[in-house]
Amino acid sequence: MKAKRVFLIVLDSFGIGAEPDAAAFGDAGTNTLGAIAGQEAFRAETLKKLGLFNIEGVRGAVGTPAAQGELIGSFARLREASAGKDTTIGHWEMAGLVSPQPLPTFPEGFPPELLDAFTAKTGYGVLCNKPYSGTQVLTDYGEEHLKTGKLIVYTSADSVFQIAANEALVPVEKLYDICAQARGLLKGPWGVGRVIARPFEGDCAANFKRTPRRHDFSLLPPAPTMLDALRAAGLATIGVGKIHDIFAGQGIGKTLRTANNAEGMATTLALADEEFTGLVYTNLVDFDMLYGHRRDAAGYAAATAALDAWLPGFMARMQPDDVLMITADHGCDPSYQKTTDHTREYVPYLLYGAGVRAGVDLGTRYSFGTVADTVCQALGVAVDVAGCGVWGALAR
């Protein structure tokens, strides 16, 4: 069988256990799925039938595996081949591009010469210049930002250059322009994976809060990905959520931005009723942004339950030659208190469709690029990408 449409849904940060080299990343013993499965709000009946609890390393450790007759999907565990654990590198590898070197990070803040160049280019001074996670940076620097007009520039354990500004002082379109200028500076040894606009509102530390108008400005992938191959073959490539931002638009034919998981799922469901041939590539960001980094295991579990409840309705709308794939880009164990960073974990790979054999245990596959090769095989596009596809073992 050749698929007409593939719906690839990325549960941002949905790891399923530490990889063998996790200790080298400071992440020994982490397990995002293990951390949420015991929460009261956790529900995964549909994910179970797709094979989540039958995956190697999950089976017998987390949840109850589905019996062979219950399984409606096939499944694998994917191990990352790239030297990183961030969103950009994870998605690049998922699209067939392995990164042998990690993107640069700045645990001591950015060098003065970079910030001087930033001020000269944008006309704005800088506050903070430290690693921060979550919204504490607004509490600590938001009032000074309003008084001085300087921008709150900060990083995290990820390869990011984040710029926070109050929308009442710096309109969001202006903030985007500033971030675009910063993106132009941040190359070579300063070439962080993402420049992130972090608009917020409020008039004092007690009521500052982020608005939903975050925008990421990513590095261009250093080589073609599956998205370029699909477009070259004349197929649709539709990015839902922050996919356009992650790939800096490269290979994306149509972009549908979303603010949260609910919008991402609603947009993906609506696309099931549209006529096209190609790929829908959806990122559900709340798992990572709202729950993983904030170490909110209960919230993460509830978000998983919401996805699980949504899946049957989406699956009922799928056409006979559609394929659903569910995976992740890294882990972000909400129970891990050593840091609030991503965690180096295996990720699930679940596949479903009328033309997909059910109950096939594909074991552990090296490289997230397995996804890229399988997508292209399913859609009948010849491509040279990292990873070895599994379509031949699944197509009816």
Protein backbone atom coordinates (compact mmCIF):
# COMPACT_ATOMS: atom_id res chain seq x y z
CA MET A 1 0.00 0.00 0.00
CA LYS A 2 1.06 3.55 -0.74
CA ALA A 3 -0.30 6.20 1.60
CA LYS A 4 -1.96 9.35 0.35
CA ARG A 5 -1.65 11.34 3.58
CA VAL A 6 0.55 11.01 6.66
CA PHE A 7 -0.35 12.77 9.90
CA LEU A 8 2.81 12.99 12.03
CA ILE A 9 2.02 14.22 15.55
CA VAL A 10 4.91 15.14 17.84
CA LEU A 11 4.17 15.07 21.56
CA ASP A 12 6.84 17.59 22.46
CA SER A 13 9.07 16.04 25.17
CA PHE A 14 7.19 12.73 25.61
CA GLY A 15 10.18 10.59 26.56
CA ILE A 16 9.85 6.95 27.61
CA GLY A 17 13.05 6.30 29.56
CA ALA A 18 16.70 7.25 29.74
CA GLU A 19 18.94 6.41 26.80
CA PRO A 20 22.20 4.51 27.44
CA ASP A 21 24.22 7.76 27.28
CA ALA A 22 21.82 9.74 29.48
CA ALA A 23 24.39 10.08 32.29
CA ALA A 24 26.68 12.01 29.94
CA PHE A 25 23.87 14.57 29.62
CA GLY A 26 23.21 14.62 33.38
CA ASP A 27 19.97 12.68 32.94
CA ALA A 28 20.57 9.20 34.37
CA GLY A 29 17.37 7.48 35.46
CA THR A 30 14.94 9.94 33.86
CA ASN A 31 11.62 8.73 32.47
CA THR A 32 8.92 11.19 31.42
CA LEU A 33 6.24 8.54 30.87
CA GLY A 34 7.14 6.86 34.15
CA ALA A 35 6.76 10.16 35.99
CA ILE A 36 3.23 10.82 34.73
CA ALA A 37 1.74 7.33 34.57
CA GLY A 38 1.08 7.25 38.31
CA GLN A 39 -0.75 10.56 38.38
CA GLU A 40 -4.47 10.54 39.12
CA ALA A 41 -5.33 12.41 35.92
CA PHE A 42 -3.40 10.03 33.65
CA ARG A 43 -5.46 8.23 31.00
CA ALA A 44 -4.03 6.38 28.01
CA GLU A 45 -6.59 3.84 26.80
CA THR A 46 -6.16 4.69 23.11
CA LEU A 47 -2.39 5.05 23.37
CA LYS A 48 -2.35 1.64 25.04
CA LYS A 49 -4.22 0.10 22.08
CA LEU A 50 -1.76 1.77 19.73
CA GLY A 51 1.03 -0.06 21.58
CA LEU A 52 2.53 2.49 23.97
CA PHE A 53 2.84 0.04 26.86
CA ASN A 54 4.09 -2.78 24.60
CA ILE A 55 7.19 -0.86 23.53
CA GLU A 56 10.55 -2.36 24.44
CA GLY A 57 11.71 -0.84 27.72
CA VAL A 58 8.18 0.28 28.59
CA ARG A 59 6.63 -3.18 28.55
CA GLY A 60 6.63 -4.50 32.11
CA ALA A 61 7.95 -1.23 33.54
CA VAL A 62 5.18 1.31 32.97
CA GLY A 63 1.50 0.57 32.47
CA THR A 64 -0.11 -2.71 31.44
CA PRO A 65 0.68 -3.93 27.92
CA ALA A 66 -2.23 -4.47 25.56
CA ALA A 67 -3.01 -8.06 24.62
CA GLN A 68 -2.23 -8.91 21.01
CA GLY A 69 -5.92 -8.93 20.12
CA GLU A 70 -6.39 -5.44 21.60
CA LEU A 71 -3.63 -3.80 19.58
CA ILE A 72 -4.73 -1.55 16.74
CA GLY A 73 -1.33 -0.03 15.99
CA SER A 74 2.33 -1.00 15.63
CA PHE A 75 5.13 0.41 17.70
CA ALA A 76 8.85 1.02 18.19
CA ARG A 77 11.27 2.72 20.55
CA LEU A 78 13.55 5.30 18.93
CA ARG A 79 17.02 6.23 20.17
CA GLU A 80 18.54 9.58 19.26
CA ALA A 81 21.70 9.57 17.17
CA SER A 82 22.41 13.30 17.41
CA ALA A 83 24.56 14.97 20.05
CA GLY A 84 21.78 16.86 21.73
CA LYS A 85 18.44 16.75 23.49
CA ASP A 86 16.70 19.89 22.32
CA THR A 87 13.69 20.61 20.16
CA THR A 88 15.60 21.75 17.10
CA ILE A 89 18.03 18.84 16.93
CA GLY A 90 15.27 16.36 17.77
CA HIS A 91 13.01 17.56 14.97
CA TRP A 92 15.88 17.83 12.49
CA GLU A 93 16.80 14.20 13.18
CA MET A 94 13.14 13.18 12.95
CA ALA A 95 13.17 14.77 9.50
CA GLY A 96 16.31 12.83 8.54
CA LEU A 97 19.21 15.07 9.55
CA VAL A 98 21.60 13.88 12.28
CA SER A 99 23.58 16.57 14.15
CA PRO A 100 27.00 15.24 15.24
CA GLN A 101 27.72 18.37 17.29
CA PRO A 102 25.43 19.96 19.87
CA LEU A 103 24.20 23.49 19.30
CA PRO A 104 26.03 26.05 21.49
CA THR A 105 24.77 26.88 24.96
CA PHE A 106 25.72 29.76 27.25
CA PRO A 107 25.45 28.67 30.89
CA GLU A 108 27.34 31.79 32.03
CA GLY A 109 25.35 34.16 29.84
CA PHE A 110 26.20 35.62 26.46
CA PRO A 111 29.59 37.26 25.81
CA PRO A 112 29.79 41.07 26.06
CA GLU A 113 30.84 41.43 22.44
CA LEU A 114 27.62 39.71 21.30
CA LEU A 115 25.41 41.89 23.50
CA ASP A 116 27.27 45.03 22.35
CA ALA A 117 26.59 44.02 18.75
CA PHE A 118 22.93 43.36 19.63
CA THR A 119 22.53 46.81 21.19
CA ALA A 120 24.28 48.49 18.25
CA LYS A 121 22.01 46.71 15.78
CA THR A 122 18.67 47.07 17.58
CA GLY A 123 19.16 50.21 19.66
CA TYR A 124 18.05 48.45 22.84
CA GLY A 125 20.02 47.84 26.02
CA VAL A 126 19.97 44.50 27.80
CA LEU A 127 18.90 43.27 31.24
CA CYS A 128 19.57 39.91 32.91
CA ASN A 129 21.85 37.87 30.57
CA LYS A 130 21.56 34.75 32.71
CA PRO A 131 20.04 31.28 32.33
CA TYR A 132 16.42 31.18 33.52
CA SER A 133 13.63 28.65 33.30
CA GLY A 134 9.95 29.50 33.43
CA THR A 135 8.51 32.91 34.23
CA GLN A 136 10.65 33.86 37.24
CA VAL A 137 12.68 36.10 34.95
CA LEU A 138 9.61 38.35 34.56
CA THR A 139 9.23 38.66 38.31
CA ASP A 140 12.92 39.51 38.72
CA TYR A 141 13.39 41.90 35.79
CA GLY A 142 9.97 42.94 34.47
CA GLU A 143 9.64 46.14 36.51
CA GLU A 144 13.16 47.26 35.64
CA HIS A 145 12.34 46.61 31.99
CA LEU A 146 9.31 48.91 32.23
CA LYS A 147 11.35 51.64 33.94
CA THR A 148 14.41 51.55 31.66
CA GLY A 149 13.08 50.26 28.35
CA LYS A 150 15.89 47.71 28.23
CA LEU A 151 15.04 44.25 26.93
CA ILE A 152 15.18 41.15 29.11
CA VAL A 153 17.66 38.89 27.34
CA TYR A 154 18.26 35.46 28.82
CA THR A 155 19.03 31.86 27.96
CA SER A 156 18.37 28.43 29.48
CA ALA A 157 20.01 25.03 29.45
CA ASP A 158 18.89 24.85 25.81
CA SER A 159 20.57 26.53 22.87
CA VAL A 160 18.34 29.62 22.95
CA PHE A 161 18.56 33.43 22.96
CA GLN A 162 15.30 34.62 24.54
CA ILE A 163 14.02 38.19 24.47
CA ALA A 164 11.19 39.17 26.79
CA ALA A 165 9.37 42.48 26.42
CA ASN A 166 6.12 43.90 27.72
CA GLU A 167 3.61 44.36 24.92
CA ALA A 168 2.58 47.76 26.30
CA LEU A 169 6.17 48.97 25.88
CA VAL A 170 7.36 47.00 22.85
CA PRO A 171 4.55 46.01 20.45
CA VAL A 172 4.77 42.38 19.51
CA GLU A 173 5.56 43.06 15.83
CA LYS A 174 8.47 45.23 16.96
CA LEU A 175 9.68 42.44 19.23
CA TYR A 176 9.56 40.04 16.29
CA ASP A 177 11.64 42.48 14.24
CA ILE A 178 14.20 42.69 17.05
CA CYS A 179 14.37 38.90 17.21
CA ALA A 180 14.88 38.70 13.46
CA GLN A 181 17.79 41.11 13.78
CA ALA A 182 19.23 39.00 16.59
CA ARG A 183 18.87 35.88 14.45
CA GLY A 184 21.07 37.56 11.87
CA LEU A 185 23.79 38.06 14.48
CA LEU A 186 23.62 34.63 16.03
CA LYS A 187 25.70 32.55 13.66
CA GLY A 188 28.92 30.56 13.83
CA PRO A 189 30.04 30.09 17.45
CA TRP A 190 27.01 32.16 18.52
CA GLY A 191 24.65 30.08 16.38
CA VAL A 192 22.01 29.09 18.92
CA GLY A 193 19.21 26.85 17.75
CA ARG A 194 16.44 29.35 18.43
CA VAL A 195 15.88 33.03 19.10
CA ILE A 196 12.61 33.20 21.02
CA ALA A 197 10.32 36.22 21.33
CA ARG A 198 8.72 36.14 24.79
CA PRO A 199 6.05 38.87 24.94
CA PHE A 200 4.34 39.44 28.27
CA GLU A 201 1.79 41.73 29.88
CA GLY A 202 1.05 43.26 33.26
CA ASP A 203 2.20 46.37 35.12
CA CYS A 204 4.06 44.93 38.13
CA ALA A 205 5.83 41.80 39.30
CA ALA A 206 2.64 40.54 40.94
CA ASN A 207 0.70 40.28 37.67
CA PHE A 208 3.24 39.81 34.88
CA LYS A 209 2.32 36.89 32.63
CA ARG A 210 3.35 35.68 29.22
CA THR A 211 0.98 36.21 26.30
CA PRO A 212 0.37 33.45 23.72
CA ARG A 213 2.27 35.36 21.01
CA ARG A 214 5.60 33.62 21.49
CA HIS A 215 7.51 33.23 18.23
CA ASP A 216 10.67 31.21 17.52
CA PHE A 217 13.34 32.12 14.97
CA SER A 218 15.40 29.02 14.22
CA LEU A 219 18.58 28.23 12.38
CA LEU A 220 18.10 26.93 8.88
CA PRO A 221 18.73 23.19 8.74
CA PRO A 222 22.27 22.70 7.39
CA ALA A 223 21.11 20.16 4.78
CA PRO A 224 17.87 19.08 3.07
CA THR A 225 15.31 17.12 5.11
CA MET A 226 12.34 14.92 4.27
CA LEU A 227 10.29 18.10 3.96
CA ASP A 228 12.42 19.27 1.03
CA ALA A 229 12.15 15.85 -0.60
CA LEU A 230 8.38 15.77 -0.27
CA ARG A 231 7.98 19.27 -1.69
CA ALA A 232 10.31 18.44 -4.58
CA ALA A 233 8.04 15.47 -5.33
CA GLY A 234 5.06 17.83 -5.52
CA LEU A 235 3.48 16.74 -2.24
CA ALA A 236 1.94 18.96 0.41
CA THR A 237 3.94 19.73 3.56
CA ILE A 238 1.71 21.32 6.18
CA GLY A 239 3.27 22.47 9.44
CA VAL A 240 0.95 22.80 12.46
CA GLY A 241 2.13 24.65 15.56
CA LYS A 242 5.80 25.59 15.76
CA ILE A 243 7.00 23.32 12.92
CA HIS A 244 7.63 26.32 10.65
CA ASP A 245 9.71 27.95 13.37
CA ILE A 246 11.78 24.83 14.05
CA PHE A 247 12.76 24.47 10.38
CA ALA A 248 12.91 28.23 9.69
CA GLY A 249 10.30 27.59 7.02
CA GLN A 250 12.55 25.32 4.96
CA GLY A 251 10.50 22.67 3.20
CA ILE A 252 7.19 23.88 4.66
CA GLY A 253 4.52 24.54 2.04
CA LYS A 254 1.77 25.73 4.38
CA THR A 255 1.89 26.88 7.99
CA LEU A 256 -0.94 26.84 10.53
CA ARG A 257 0.23 28.38 13.79
CA THR A 258 -1.35 27.34 17.07
CA ALA A 259 -1.03 28.59 20.65
CA ASN A 260 -1.52 25.34 22.56
CA ASN A 261 -2.35 21.65 22.39
CA ALA A 262 -6.08 22.24 22.04
CA GLU A 263 -5.59 24.41 18.95
CA GLY A 264 -3.04 21.99 17.55
CA MET A 265 -5.43 19.06 17.85
CA ALA A 266 -8.38 21.05 16.48
CA THR A 267 -6.32 22.20 13.49
CA THR A 268 -5.09 18.68 12.77
CA LEU A 269 -8.64 17.33 12.99
CA ALA A 270 -9.86 19.95 10.53
CA LEU A 271 -7.12 18.97 8.08
CA ALA A 272 -8.44 15.41 8.09
CA ASP A 273 -11.45 16.74 6.16
CA GLU A 274 -9.36 18.55 3.54
CA GLU A 275 -8.25 17.13 0.22
CA PHE A 276 -4.47 16.92 -0.27
CA THR A 277 -1.67 14.43 -0.77
CA GLY A 278 1.34 14.63 1.51
CA LEU A 279 2.29 15.29 5.12
CA VAL A 280 0.72 17.07 8.07
CA TYR A 281 3.46 17.65 10.67
CA THR A 282 2.01 18.73 14.03
CA ASN A 283 3.84 19.76 17.20
CA LEU A 284 1.88 19.74 20.47
CA VAL A 285 3.92 22.13 22.56
CA ASP A 286 2.14 22.16 25.92
CA PHE A 287 3.67 18.88 27.09
CA ASP A 288 7.09 20.54 27.09
CA MET A 289 6.41 24.24 27.58
CA LEU A 290 3.70 24.14 30.24
CA TYR A 291 4.34 20.88 32.05
CA GLY A 292 7.77 19.36 31.43
CA HIS A 293 9.91 22.43 32.03
CA ARG A 294 7.67 23.53 34.91
CA ARG A 295 7.98 20.07 36.49
CA ASP A 296 4.21 19.71 36.60
CA ALA A 297 3.62 15.95 36.46
CA ALA A 298 -0.12 16.27 37.17
CA GLY A 299 -0.58 18.78 34.35
CA TYR A 300 1.46 16.60 31.98
CA ALA A 301 -0.72 13.61 32.87
CA ALA A 302 -3.91 15.61 32.25
CA ALA A 303 -2.59 16.78 28.87
CA THR A 304 -1.90 13.16 27.96
CA ALA A 305 -5.45 12.23 28.95
CA ALA A 306 -6.81 15.05 26.76
CA LEU A 307 -4.81 13.80 23.78
CA ASP A 308 -5.93 10.24 24.42
CA ALA A 309 -9.58 11.32 24.51
CA TRP A 310 -9.11 13.26 21.25
CA LEU A 311 -7.50 10.44 19.30
CA PRO A 312 -10.58 8.24 18.63
CA GLY A 313 -12.43 11.13 16.98
CA PHE A 314 -9.46 11.89 14.78
CA MET A 315 -8.94 8.23 13.87
CA ALA A 316 -12.60 7.95 12.86
CA ARG A 317 -12.08 10.78 10.37
CA MET A 318 -9.04 9.17 8.74
CA GLN A 319 -9.38 7.97 5.16
CA PRO A 320 -8.45 4.38 4.16
CA ASP A 321 -5.10 5.48 2.74
CA ASP A 322 -4.16 7.75 5.67
CA VAL A 323 -1.43 6.94 8.18
CA LEU A 324 -1.15 8.31 11.72
CA MET A 325 2.29 8.47 13.34
CA ILE A 326 2.88 9.62 16.93
CA THR A 327 6.34 10.31 18.32
CA ALA A 328 8.39 12.83 20.34
CA ASP A 329 11.56 14.89 20.00
CA HIS A 330 13.22 14.36 23.43
CA GLY A 331 12.19 13.93 27.05
CA CYS A 332 11.42 16.45 29.79
CA ASP A 333 10.86 14.37 32.92
CA PRO A 334 8.59 16.45 35.19
CA SER A 335 9.75 14.53 38.27
CA TYR A 336 13.45 15.30 37.72
CA GLN A 337 14.48 18.01 40.15
CA LYS A 338 18.18 18.32 39.34
CA THR A 339 17.37 20.72 36.49
CA THR A 340 14.33 21.93 34.56
CA ASP A 341 16.03 21.04 31.29
CA HIS A 342 15.07 18.51 28.64
CA THR A 343 16.11 14.92 29.38
CA ARG A 344 17.98 12.50 27.15
CA GLU A 345 15.38 9.77 26.58
CA TYR A 346 14.11 7.26 24.10
CA VAL A 347 10.87 8.32 22.38
CA PRO A 348 7.85 6.27 21.25
CA TYR A 349 6.92 5.66 17.64
CA LEU A 350 3.30 4.57 17.15
CA LEU A 351 1.75 3.88 13.72
CA TYR A 352 -1.89 3.37 12.78
CA GLY A 353 -4.08 3.24 9.70
CA ALA A 354 -6.30 0.97 7.64
CA GLY A 355 -3.28 0.07 5.53
CA VAL A 356 -0.94 -0.48 8.51
CA ARG A 357 -0.54 -3.90 10.07
CA ALA A 358 -1.45 -3.93 13.75
CA GLY A 359 0.52 -5.45 16.59
CA VAL A 360 3.96 -5.35 14.96
CA ASP A 361 6.72 -4.88 17.54
CA LEU A 362 9.49 -3.06 15.69
CA GLY A 363 11.85 -3.13 18.68
CA THR A 364 14.37 -0.36 19.26
CA ARG A 365 15.51 1.65 16.25
CA TYR A 366 18.63 3.78 16.20
CA SER A 367 17.95 7.33 14.98
CA PHE A 368 14.82 9.40 15.03
CA GLY A 369 15.45 9.48 11.28
CA THR A 370 13.48 6.23 11.17
CA VAL A 371 10.46 8.55 11.08
CA ALA A 372 11.69 10.49 8.03
CA ASP A 373 12.51 7.40 6.04
CA THR A 374 9.19 5.75 6.93
CA VAL A 375 7.18 8.86 6.00
CA CYS A 376 8.88 9.02 2.62
CA GLN A 377 8.49 5.28 2.02
CA ALA A 378 4.79 5.49 2.87
CA LEU A 379 4.28 8.37 0.44
CA GLY A 380 6.36 6.76 -2.28
CA VAL A 381 9.18 9.32 -2.31
CA ALA A 382 12.77 8.15 -2.74
CA VAL A 383 15.07 10.01 -0.37
CA ASP A 384 18.49 9.69 1.25
CA VAL A 385 18.04 10.50 4.93
CA ALA A 386 19.34 9.22 8.24
CA GLY A 387 17.49 6.26 9.66
CA CYS A 388 16.10 3.06 8.24
CA GLY A 389 12.39 3.10 7.51
CA VAL A 390 9.96 0.43 8.67
CA TRP A 391 7.22 0.76 6.08
CA GLY A 392 8.06 -2.58 4.47
CA ALA A 393 7.27 -4.36 7.75
CA LEU A 394 3.93 -2.60 8.17
CA ALA A 395 2.18 -1.97 4.86
CA ARG A 396 -0.70 -4.32 4.16
